[in-house]
Amino acid sequence: MSEQFYPQTATAIPSVAQPKPAIWPLDIALGALIGDFAEVLGVPGYLTQGLLGFVPVVGTCCAIRDLLANLVKGNRGGMILNAISLIPIVGGISKMAHAVRGIKNASQAYGATTNVVGALLRK
């Protein structure tokens, strides 16, 4: 973590590394093509993943891809949801649950970043 010095206060303020916000067309493409292998995925990407879970053959292919991604990352919850997604018809519901979980994580990260930046600016 690097520190920045401000001459007015002569104190060090730690800088917080923030993920860059995803541009929604790129985010949709990442959600559709790369899925859980993407480092940063926003709400449009997670929604795209969830919607693709309802498409018969495409949803199964996405579930296999995301199962492998979660296996590599060690994400046990993602592995379980994607294993369930391999079952026809049930897969779309499981994928939407996984998407909602990802959206919740993305919105929490955004909220935390906003709080940290706001606190730093008030000092």
N, C-alpha and C. Protein backbone atom coordinates (compact mmCIF):
# COMPACT_ATOMS: atom_id res chain seq x y z
N MET A 1 0.85 -1.16 0.00
CA MET A 1 0.00 0.00 0.00
C MET A 1 0.90 1.23 0.00
N SER A 2 0.74 2.09 -0.94
CA SER A 2 1.55 3.29 -1.01
C SER A 2 0.90 4.40 -0.20
N GLU A 3 1.71 5.38 0.16
CA GLU A 3 1.20 6.50 0.92
C GLU A 3 1.44 7.78 0.15
N GLN A 4 0.53 8.72 0.29
CA GLN A 4 0.67 10.02 -0.34
C GLN A 4 0.76 11.06 0.77
N PHE A 5 1.64 12.05 0.61
CA PHE A 5 1.78 13.10 1.60
C PHE A 5 1.14 14.37 1.08
N TYR A 6 0.35 14.98 1.92
CA TYR A 6 -0.29 16.24 1.57
C TYR A 6 0.35 17.34 2.40
N PRO A 7 0.83 18.41 1.74
CA PRO A 7 1.55 19.46 2.47
C PRO A 7 0.68 20.17 3.52
N GLN A 8 -0.63 20.26 3.32
CA GLN A 8 -1.49 20.97 4.25
C GLN A 8 -1.51 20.29 5.62
N THR A 9 -1.52 18.98 5.63
CA THR A 9 -1.67 18.25 6.88
C THR A 9 -0.38 17.61 7.36
N ALA A 10 0.58 17.43 6.48
CA ALA A 10 1.86 16.79 6.77
C ALA A 10 1.67 15.40 7.36
N THR A 11 0.59 14.73 6.96
CA THR A 11 0.36 13.36 7.41
C THR A 11 0.23 12.47 6.18
N ALA A 12 0.48 11.23 6.41
CA ALA A 12 0.38 10.26 5.32
C ALA A 12 -1.04 9.73 5.24
N ILE A 13 -1.60 9.70 4.04
CA ILE A 13 -2.92 9.13 3.81
C ILE A 13 -2.72 7.93 2.91
N PRO A 14 -3.08 6.74 3.39
CA PRO A 14 -2.87 5.54 2.55
C PRO A 14 -3.78 5.58 1.33
N SER A 15 -3.24 5.21 0.19
CA SER A 15 -4.07 5.14 -1.01
C SER A 15 -4.67 3.75 -1.10
N VAL A 16 -5.91 3.69 -1.53
CA VAL A 16 -6.64 2.43 -1.62
C VAL A 16 -6.74 2.04 -3.08
N ALA A 17 -6.30 0.83 -3.40
CA ALA A 17 -6.41 0.35 -4.78
C ALA A 17 -7.87 0.06 -5.07
N GLN A 18 -8.40 0.68 -6.11
CA GLN A 18 -9.80 0.52 -6.47
C GLN A 18 -9.90 -0.18 -7.81
N PRO A 19 -10.80 -1.16 -7.92
CA PRO A 19 -11.00 -1.78 -9.23
C PRO A 19 -11.65 -0.78 -10.17
N LYS A 20 -11.22 -0.79 -11.41
CA LYS A 20 -11.81 0.11 -12.39
C LYS A 20 -13.23 -0.34 -12.70
N PRO A 21 -14.16 0.61 -12.81
CA PRO A 21 -15.53 0.20 -13.14
C PRO A 21 -15.57 -0.35 -14.57
N ALA A 22 -16.36 -1.39 -14.74
CA ALA A 22 -16.47 -2.03 -16.05
C ALA A 22 -17.38 -1.20 -16.96
N ILE A 23 -17.03 -1.09 -18.21
CA ILE A 23 -17.87 -0.45 -19.20
C ILE A 23 -18.89 -1.49 -19.61
N TRP A 24 -20.19 -1.13 -19.59
CA TRP A 24 -21.23 -2.15 -19.70
C TRP A 24 -21.21 -3.00 -20.97
N PRO A 25 -20.90 -2.48 -22.18
CA PRO A 25 -20.84 -3.42 -23.33
C PRO A 25 -19.69 -4.43 -23.18
N LEU A 26 -18.57 -3.95 -22.67
CA LEU A 26 -17.43 -4.85 -22.43
C LEU A 26 -17.77 -5.84 -21.32
N ASP A 27 -18.47 -5.36 -20.31
CA ASP A 27 -18.87 -6.21 -19.20
C ASP A 27 -19.82 -7.32 -19.65
N ILE A 28 -20.74 -7.00 -20.54
CA ILE A 28 -21.66 -8.00 -21.09
C ILE A 28 -20.88 -9.05 -21.89
N ALA A 29 -19.91 -8.58 -22.70
CA ALA A 29 -19.09 -9.51 -23.49
C ALA A 29 -18.25 -10.41 -22.57
N LEU A 30 -17.68 -9.83 -21.51
CA LEU A 30 -16.90 -10.64 -20.56
C LEU A 30 -17.78 -11.66 -19.86
N GLY A 31 -18.98 -11.26 -19.48
CA GLY A 31 -19.90 -12.18 -18.82
C GLY A 31 -20.30 -13.32 -19.73
N ALA A 32 -20.47 -13.03 -21.02
CA ALA A 32 -20.89 -14.06 -21.97
C ALA A 32 -19.73 -14.96 -22.40
N LEU A 33 -18.57 -14.40 -22.64
CA LEU A 33 -17.46 -15.16 -23.20
C LEU A 33 -16.51 -15.75 -22.16
N ILE A 34 -16.17 -14.96 -21.16
CA ILE A 34 -15.16 -15.39 -20.19
C ILE A 34 -15.82 -15.89 -18.89
N GLY A 35 -16.94 -15.30 -18.52
CA GLY A 35 -17.67 -15.73 -17.33
C GLY A 35 -16.89 -15.53 -16.05
N ASP A 36 -16.81 -16.56 -15.24
CA ASP A 36 -16.15 -16.46 -13.95
C ASP A 36 -14.63 -16.39 -14.04
N PHE A 37 -14.07 -16.55 -15.22
CA PHE A 37 -12.63 -16.36 -15.39
C PHE A 37 -12.27 -14.87 -15.37
N ALA A 38 -13.24 -13.98 -15.55
CA ALA A 38 -12.99 -12.53 -15.55
C ALA A 38 -12.57 -12.08 -14.16
N GLU A 39 -11.59 -11.20 -14.08
CA GLU A 39 -11.12 -10.68 -12.80
C GLU A 39 -12.16 -9.76 -12.17
N VAL A 40 -12.69 -8.84 -12.96
CA VAL A 40 -13.70 -7.89 -12.48
C VAL A 40 -14.92 -8.02 -13.39
N LEU A 41 -16.06 -8.26 -12.78
CA LEU A 41 -17.30 -8.39 -13.54
C LEU A 41 -18.36 -7.56 -12.83
N GLY A 42 -19.04 -6.72 -13.58
CA GLY A 42 -20.06 -5.87 -13.00
C GLY A 42 -21.44 -6.48 -13.11
N VAL A 43 -22.44 -5.69 -12.75
CA VAL A 43 -23.82 -6.15 -12.76
C VAL A 43 -24.27 -6.62 -14.15
N PRO A 44 -23.98 -5.87 -15.25
CA PRO A 44 -24.40 -6.35 -16.57
C PRO A 44 -23.78 -7.70 -16.94
N GLY A 45 -22.54 -7.92 -16.55
CA GLY A 45 -21.88 -9.19 -16.84
C GLY A 45 -22.51 -10.34 -16.09
N TYR A 46 -22.84 -10.11 -14.81
CA TYR A 46 -23.49 -11.16 -14.02
C TYR A 46 -24.90 -11.45 -14.54
N LEU A 47 -25.62 -10.41 -14.95
CA LEU A 47 -26.96 -10.63 -15.51
C LEU A 47 -26.89 -11.41 -16.82
N THR A 48 -25.89 -11.11 -17.63
CA THR A 48 -25.70 -11.85 -18.88
C THR A 48 -25.44 -13.32 -18.60
N GLN A 49 -24.59 -13.59 -17.59
CA GLN A 49 -24.32 -14.98 -17.22
C GLN A 49 -25.61 -15.68 -16.79
N GLY A 50 -26.40 -15.00 -15.99
CA GLY A 50 -27.65 -15.60 -15.50
C GLY A 50 -28.63 -15.88 -16.62
N LEU A 51 -28.76 -14.95 -17.55
CA LEU A 51 -29.69 -15.13 -18.66
C LEU A 51 -29.24 -16.25 -19.60
N LEU A 52 -27.93 -16.35 -19.81
CA LEU A 52 -27.43 -17.42 -20.67
C LEU A 52 -27.65 -18.80 -20.06
N GLY A 53 -27.84 -18.87 -18.75
CA GLY A 53 -28.12 -20.14 -18.09
C GLY A 53 -29.44 -20.74 -18.51
N PHE A 54 -30.36 -19.92 -19.04
CA PHE A 54 -31.66 -20.42 -19.49
C PHE A 54 -31.66 -20.90 -20.94
N VAL A 55 -30.58 -20.63 -21.68
CA VAL A 55 -30.48 -21.08 -23.07
C VAL A 55 -29.97 -22.52 -23.04
N PRO A 56 -30.72 -23.48 -23.63
CA PRO A 56 -30.42 -24.91 -23.45
C PRO A 56 -28.96 -25.35 -23.61
N VAL A 57 -28.36 -25.26 -24.74
CA VAL A 57 -27.00 -25.78 -24.92
C VAL A 57 -25.96 -24.78 -24.42
N VAL A 58 -26.20 -23.52 -24.67
CA VAL A 58 -25.27 -22.46 -24.27
C VAL A 58 -25.13 -22.42 -22.75
N GLY A 59 -26.24 -22.59 -22.04
CA GLY A 59 -26.20 -22.57 -20.58
C GLY A 59 -25.35 -23.68 -20.00
N THR A 60 -25.42 -24.85 -20.60
CA THR A 60 -24.60 -25.98 -20.14
C THR A 60 -23.12 -25.71 -20.39
N CYS A 61 -22.80 -25.16 -21.56
CA CYS A 61 -21.40 -24.83 -21.87
C CYS A 61 -20.87 -23.77 -20.90
N CYS A 62 -21.69 -22.76 -20.61
CA CYS A 62 -21.29 -21.71 -19.65
C CYS A 62 -21.10 -22.29 -18.26
N ALA A 63 -21.96 -23.25 -17.88
CA ALA A 63 -21.85 -23.87 -16.56
C ALA A 63 -20.54 -24.64 -16.44
N ILE A 64 -20.15 -25.35 -17.48
CA ILE A 64 -18.89 -26.10 -17.47
C ILE A 64 -17.72 -25.13 -17.37
N ARG A 65 -17.75 -24.06 -18.17
CA ARG A 65 -16.69 -23.05 -18.14
C ARG A 65 -16.56 -22.43 -16.76
N ASP A 66 -17.69 -22.05 -16.17
CA ASP A 66 -17.67 -21.40 -14.86
C ASP A 66 -17.33 -22.37 -13.74
N LEU A 67 -17.69 -23.63 -13.90
CA LEU A 67 -17.31 -24.64 -12.92
C LEU A 67 -15.79 -24.78 -12.89
N LEU A 68 -15.17 -24.81 -14.06
CA LEU A 68 -13.70 -24.88 -14.14
C LEU A 68 -13.06 -23.64 -13.55
N ALA A 69 -13.64 -22.45 -13.83
CA ALA A 69 -13.09 -21.20 -13.29
C ALA A 69 -13.15 -21.20 -11.76
N ASN A 70 -14.28 -21.64 -11.21
CA ASN A 70 -14.42 -21.66 -9.76
C ASN A 70 -13.55 -22.74 -9.12
N LEU A 71 -13.31 -23.82 -9.85
CA LEU A 71 -12.42 -24.86 -9.37
C LEU A 71 -11.00 -24.32 -9.25
N VAL A 72 -10.57 -23.58 -10.28
CA VAL A 72 -9.23 -22.98 -10.28
C VAL A 72 -9.11 -21.94 -9.17
N LYS A 73 -10.14 -21.13 -8.97
CA LYS A 73 -10.12 -20.06 -7.96
C LYS A 73 -10.38 -20.58 -6.55
N GLY A 74 -10.87 -21.81 -6.43
CA GLY A 74 -11.17 -22.36 -5.12
C GLY A 74 -12.46 -21.82 -4.52
N ASN A 75 -13.39 -21.40 -5.36
CA ASN A 75 -14.67 -20.85 -4.92
C ASN A 75 -15.67 -21.99 -4.76
N ARG A 76 -15.83 -22.48 -3.53
CA ARG A 76 -16.67 -23.65 -3.28
C ARG A 76 -18.14 -23.38 -3.60
N GLY A 77 -18.66 -22.21 -3.22
CA GLY A 77 -20.07 -21.89 -3.51
C GLY A 77 -20.34 -21.82 -5.00
N GLY A 78 -19.42 -21.22 -5.74
CA GLY A 78 -19.57 -21.15 -7.20
C GLY A 78 -19.51 -22.52 -7.84
N MET A 79 -18.66 -23.40 -7.30
CA MET A 79 -18.57 -24.76 -7.85
C MET A 79 -19.89 -25.50 -7.66
N ILE A 80 -20.49 -25.36 -6.49
CA ILE A 80 -21.76 -26.05 -6.21
C ILE A 80 -22.86 -25.53 -7.12
N LEU A 81 -22.98 -24.20 -7.24
CA LEU A 81 -24.03 -23.63 -8.08
C LEU A 81 -23.83 -24.00 -9.55
N ASN A 82 -22.60 -24.03 -10.01
CA ASN A 82 -22.36 -24.38 -11.41
C ASN A 82 -22.52 -25.88 -11.66
N ALA A 83 -22.27 -26.70 -10.65
CA ALA A 83 -22.53 -28.14 -10.81
C ALA A 83 -24.03 -28.37 -10.94
N ILE A 84 -24.82 -27.64 -10.16
CA ILE A 84 -26.29 -27.74 -10.28
C ILE A 84 -26.74 -27.21 -11.64
N SER A 85 -26.02 -26.21 -12.16
CA SER A 85 -26.38 -25.62 -13.46
C SER A 85 -26.23 -26.60 -14.61
N LEU A 86 -25.52 -27.68 -14.41
CA LEU A 86 -25.37 -28.68 -15.47
C LEU A 86 -26.66 -29.47 -15.70
N ILE A 87 -27.58 -29.43 -14.75
CA ILE A 87 -28.87 -30.12 -14.89
C ILE A 87 -29.79 -29.27 -15.74
N PRO A 88 -30.35 -29.81 -16.83
CA PRO A 88 -31.23 -29.02 -17.68
C PRO A 88 -32.42 -28.44 -16.90
N ILE A 89 -32.85 -27.27 -17.29
CA ILE A 89 -33.96 -26.49 -16.74
C ILE A 89 -33.61 -25.93 -15.35
N VAL A 90 -33.12 -26.75 -14.44
CA VAL A 90 -32.74 -26.28 -13.11
C VAL A 90 -31.53 -25.35 -13.23
N GLY A 91 -30.74 -25.56 -14.27
CA GLY A 91 -29.52 -24.78 -14.45
C GLY A 91 -29.72 -23.29 -14.53
N GLY A 92 -30.79 -22.85 -15.19
CA GLY A 92 -31.05 -21.42 -15.30
C GLY A 92 -31.32 -20.78 -13.95
N ILE A 93 -32.04 -21.49 -13.11
CA ILE A 93 -32.35 -20.97 -11.78
C ILE A 93 -31.07 -20.89 -10.94
N SER A 94 -30.25 -21.93 -11.02
CA SER A 94 -28.99 -21.94 -10.28
C SER A 94 -28.07 -20.84 -10.77
N LYS A 95 -28.01 -20.64 -12.09
CA LYS A 95 -27.15 -19.60 -12.66
C LYS A 95 -27.62 -18.22 -12.22
N MET A 96 -28.94 -18.02 -12.14
CA MET A 96 -29.46 -16.73 -11.67
C MET A 96 -29.09 -16.52 -10.20
N ALA A 97 -29.11 -17.59 -9.40
CA ALA A 97 -28.69 -17.48 -8.00
C ALA A 97 -27.22 -17.08 -7.92
N HIS A 98 -26.40 -17.67 -8.78
CA HIS A 98 -24.98 -17.33 -8.84
C HIS A 98 -24.81 -15.88 -9.29
N ALA A 99 -25.61 -15.44 -10.25
CA ALA A 99 -25.54 -14.06 -10.73
C ALA A 99 -25.95 -13.08 -9.64
N VAL A 100 -27.00 -13.40 -8.90
CA VAL A 100 -27.45 -12.52 -7.81
C VAL A 100 -26.36 -12.43 -6.74
N ARG A 101 -25.71 -13.55 -6.45
CA ARG A 101 -24.60 -13.55 -5.49
C ARG A 101 -23.46 -12.65 -5.97
N GLY A 102 -23.15 -12.72 -7.26
CA GLY A 102 -22.10 -11.87 -7.83
C GLY A 102 -22.48 -10.41 -7.82
N ILE A 103 -23.75 -10.11 -8.12
CA ILE A 103 -24.22 -8.73 -8.11
C ILE A 103 -24.13 -8.17 -6.69
N LYS A 104 -24.48 -8.97 -5.70
CA LYS A 104 -24.40 -8.54 -4.31
C LYS A 104 -22.96 -8.22 -3.95
N ASN A 105 -22.01 -9.08 -4.34
CA ASN A 105 -20.60 -8.83 -4.06
C ASN A 105 -20.09 -7.59 -4.77
N ALA A 106 -20.52 -7.39 -6.03
CA ALA A 106 -20.08 -6.22 -6.79
C ALA A 106 -20.63 -4.94 -6.18
N SER A 107 -21.89 -4.95 -5.75
CA SER A 107 -22.48 -3.75 -5.17
C SER A 107 -21.88 -3.46 -3.80
N GLN A 108 -21.53 -4.51 -3.03
CA GLN A 108 -20.88 -4.29 -1.74
C GLN A 108 -19.49 -3.69 -1.93
N ALA A 109 -18.76 -4.17 -2.92
CA ALA A 109 -17.43 -3.62 -3.19
C ALA A 109 -17.53 -2.17 -3.61
N TYR A 110 -18.52 -1.85 -4.44
CA TYR A 110 -18.71 -0.47 -4.88
C TYR A 110 -19.06 0.42 -3.69
N GLY A 111 -19.95 -0.06 -2.82
CA GLY A 111 -20.34 0.72 -1.65
C GLY A 111 -19.18 0.95 -0.70
N ALA A 112 -18.36 -0.08 -0.49
CA ALA A 112 -17.20 0.05 0.40
C ALA A 112 -16.19 1.03 -0.18
N THR A 113 -15.97 0.97 -1.49
CA THR A 113 -15.05 1.89 -2.14
C THR A 113 -15.54 3.32 -2.00
N THR A 114 -16.83 3.53 -2.19
CA THR A 114 -17.41 4.86 -2.07
C THR A 114 -17.25 5.38 -0.65
N ASN A 115 -17.45 4.53 0.35
CA ASN A 115 -17.30 4.95 1.74
C ASN A 115 -15.86 5.33 2.07
N VAL A 116 -14.90 4.54 1.59
CA VAL A 116 -13.49 4.82 1.86
C VAL A 116 -13.07 6.13 1.19
N VAL A 117 -13.45 6.32 -0.06
CA VAL A 117 -13.10 7.55 -0.77
C VAL A 117 -13.74 8.76 -0.09
N GLY A 118 -15.00 8.61 0.30
CA GLY A 118 -15.69 9.71 0.98
C GLY A 118 -15.02 10.06 2.30
N ALA A 119 -14.59 9.06 3.05
CA ALA A 119 -13.92 9.31 4.32
C ALA A 119 -12.57 10.00 4.11
N LEU A 120 -11.86 9.60 3.06
CA LEU A 120 -10.56 10.22 2.78
C LEU A 120 -10.72 11.67 2.33
N LEU A 121 -11.77 11.96 1.60
CA LEU A 121 -11.99 13.32 1.12
C LEU A 121 -12.45 14.25 2.23
N ARG A 122 -13.10 13.73 3.25
CA ARG A 122 -13.58 14.56 4.35
C ARG A 122 -12.45 14.99 5.28
N LYS A 123 -11.35 14.28 5.27
CA LYS A 123 -10.24 14.60 6.19
C LYS A 123 -9.60 15.90 5.86
